[in-house]
Amino acid sequence: MIVIKRFFFVNNSSKDIYIYKVDYPYEVLFSNLFPNPYNQPNIYMVKSGEKNSNGLQDRECIDGTIKQGNMVVYVFDAEVLANYSWGVIGRDYMVLKTIRPTLEEMQRNNWTIYFED
């Protein structure tokens, strides 16, 4: 069993984004259990051209979680989060990208997820 305490997320896109890592189904993300990441930019925001480890390190991730496809990273456009309520974003699935990394991808990329336009 591999226990990874820190992942990195690199934003190689031209826009500022927010990331949210969950180990739960999509529907749970927009429930009252998870706050809008826009309210915590110091944790979840990744500016264009920057790297973030805060938004992905809140839980330890065991290799089995990745192998089972349970780890999901949702990417949101910062402008969408600024202009729409969390409920509307969830209802209309205003997600810029959904990333489900495999264990092999994470190992190959030194536990880093790269995002591009």
Protein backbone atom coordinates (compact mmCIF):
# COMPACT_ATOMS: atom_id res chain seq x y z
CA MET A 1 0.00 0.00 0.00
CA ILE A 2 1.33 3.41 -0.99
CA VAL A 3 0.27 6.38 1.09
CA ILE A 4 0.80 9.71 -0.64
CA LYS A 5 0.39 12.80 1.49
CA ARG A 6 0.89 15.43 -1.19
CA PHE A 7 -0.20 15.83 -4.77
CA PHE A 8 0.57 18.78 -6.99
CA PHE A 9 -1.63 20.46 -9.54
CA VAL A 10 -0.02 22.60 -12.26
CA ASN A 11 -2.19 25.03 -14.20
CA ASN A 12 -0.69 25.41 -17.67
CA SER A 13 -3.86 27.04 -19.01
CA SER A 14 -4.49 30.69 -19.78
CA LYS A 15 -7.15 31.10 -17.09
CA ASP A 16 -7.36 31.02 -13.33
CA ILE A 17 -9.10 27.92 -12.02
CA TYR A 18 -10.24 26.25 -8.83
CA ILE A 19 -9.68 22.59 -8.07
CA TYR A 20 -11.60 20.29 -5.77
CA LYS A 21 -10.51 16.72 -4.98
CA VAL A 22 -13.13 14.32 -3.73
CA ASP A 23 -13.39 10.60 -3.20
CA TYR A 24 -17.17 10.63 -3.58
CA PRO A 25 -19.71 10.65 -6.41
CA TYR A 26 -20.41 13.92 -8.22
CA GLU A 27 -23.82 14.42 -6.62
CA VAL A 28 -22.29 14.56 -3.15
CA LEU A 29 -19.90 17.36 -4.16
CA PHE A 30 -22.70 19.89 -4.56
CA SER A 31 -24.51 18.92 -1.38
CA ASN A 32 -24.18 20.92 1.80
CA LEU A 33 -21.30 18.67 2.84
CA PHE A 34 -18.81 20.47 0.60
CA PRO A 35 -18.48 24.25 0.57
CA ASN A 36 -17.96 26.25 -2.60
CA PRO A 37 -14.18 26.28 -3.22
CA TYR A 38 -14.48 29.94 -4.26
CA ASN A 39 -14.82 30.78 -0.57
CA GLN A 40 -11.28 29.48 0.09
CA PRO A 41 -9.05 30.71 -2.75
CA ASN A 42 -5.87 30.24 -0.70
CA ILE A 43 -6.57 26.49 -0.75
CA TYR A 44 -8.34 25.76 -4.02
CA MET A 45 -7.36 28.47 -6.51
CA VAL A 46 -4.62 27.82 -9.06
CA LYS A 47 -3.69 30.88 -11.05
CA SER A 48 -2.60 30.57 -14.64
CA GLY A 49 0.97 29.28 -14.79
CA GLU A 50 1.11 28.34 -11.11
CA LYS A 51 1.32 25.18 -8.99
CA ASN A 52 -0.90 24.26 -6.04
CA SER A 53 -0.59 21.48 -3.52
CA ASN A 54 -3.01 22.79 -0.90
CA GLY A 55 -6.22 21.77 -2.65
CA LEU A 56 -5.11 18.18 -3.08
CA GLN A 57 -3.52 17.39 0.28
CA ASP A 58 -6.51 17.56 2.59
CA ARG A 59 -6.68 13.76 2.79
CA GLU A 60 -4.16 11.03 2.43
CA CYS A 61 -4.74 9.09 -0.73
CA ILE A 62 -4.18 5.37 -0.77
CA ASP A 63 -3.27 3.69 -4.04
CA GLY A 64 -6.46 1.64 -3.87
CA THR A 65 -8.54 4.81 -4.03
CA ILE A 66 -6.91 5.77 -7.32
CA LYS A 67 -7.03 2.21 -8.69
CA GLN A 68 -10.75 2.01 -7.98
CA GLY A 69 -11.32 5.30 -9.79
CA ASN A 70 -12.71 6.95 -6.69
CA MET A 71 -10.39 9.93 -6.67
CA VAL A 72 -11.79 12.72 -8.78
CA VAL A 73 -10.44 16.22 -9.30
CA TYR A 74 -12.99 18.74 -10.51
CA VAL A 75 -11.66 21.82 -12.27
CA PHE A 76 -13.77 24.99 -12.26
CA ASP A 77 -13.29 28.22 -14.17
CA ALA A 78 -12.68 30.97 -11.59
CA GLU A 79 -15.08 33.30 -13.42
CA VAL A 80 -17.89 30.73 -13.21
CA LEU A 81 -17.43 30.37 -9.46
CA ALA A 82 -17.39 34.14 -9.08
CA ASN A 83 -20.62 34.65 -11.04
CA TYR A 84 -22.88 31.67 -10.22
CA SER A 85 -24.13 30.08 -7.03
CA TRP A 86 -22.76 26.70 -5.97
CA GLY A 87 -26.23 25.21 -6.44
CA VAL A 88 -26.53 26.45 -10.03
CA ILE A 89 -23.01 25.24 -10.84
CA GLY A 90 -23.95 21.77 -9.60
CA ARG A 91 -27.37 21.68 -11.22
CA ASP A 92 -26.03 22.75 -14.61
CA TYR A 93 -22.76 20.80 -14.26
CA MET A 94 -20.62 23.87 -14.89
CA VAL A 95 -17.41 21.91 -14.46
CA LEU A 96 -14.53 22.86 -16.73
CA LYS A 97 -12.94 19.41 -16.54
CA THR A 98 -13.21 16.21 -14.54
CA ILE A 99 -9.93 14.38 -13.94
CA ARG A 100 -9.80 10.77 -12.75
CA PRO A 101 -6.10 10.00 -12.48
CA THR A 102 -4.84 6.45 -12.61
CA LEU A 103 -2.15 5.22 -10.25
CA GLU A 104 0.21 4.75 -13.20
CA GLU A 105 -0.33 8.34 -14.41
CA MET A 106 0.30 9.74 -10.95
CA GLN A 107 3.47 7.72 -10.47
CA ARG A 108 4.74 8.61 -13.96
CA ASN A 109 4.08 12.32 -13.36
CA ASN A 110 5.65 12.36 -9.89
CA TRP A 111 2.25 12.76 -8.21
CA THR A 112 1.47 15.86 -10.29
CA ILE A 113 -1.63 16.62 -12.35
CA TYR A 114 -1.11 18.97 -15.30
CA PHE A 115 -3.98 21.04 -16.67
CA GLU A 116 -3.98 22.76 -20.05
CA ASP A 117 -6.54 24.63 -22.17
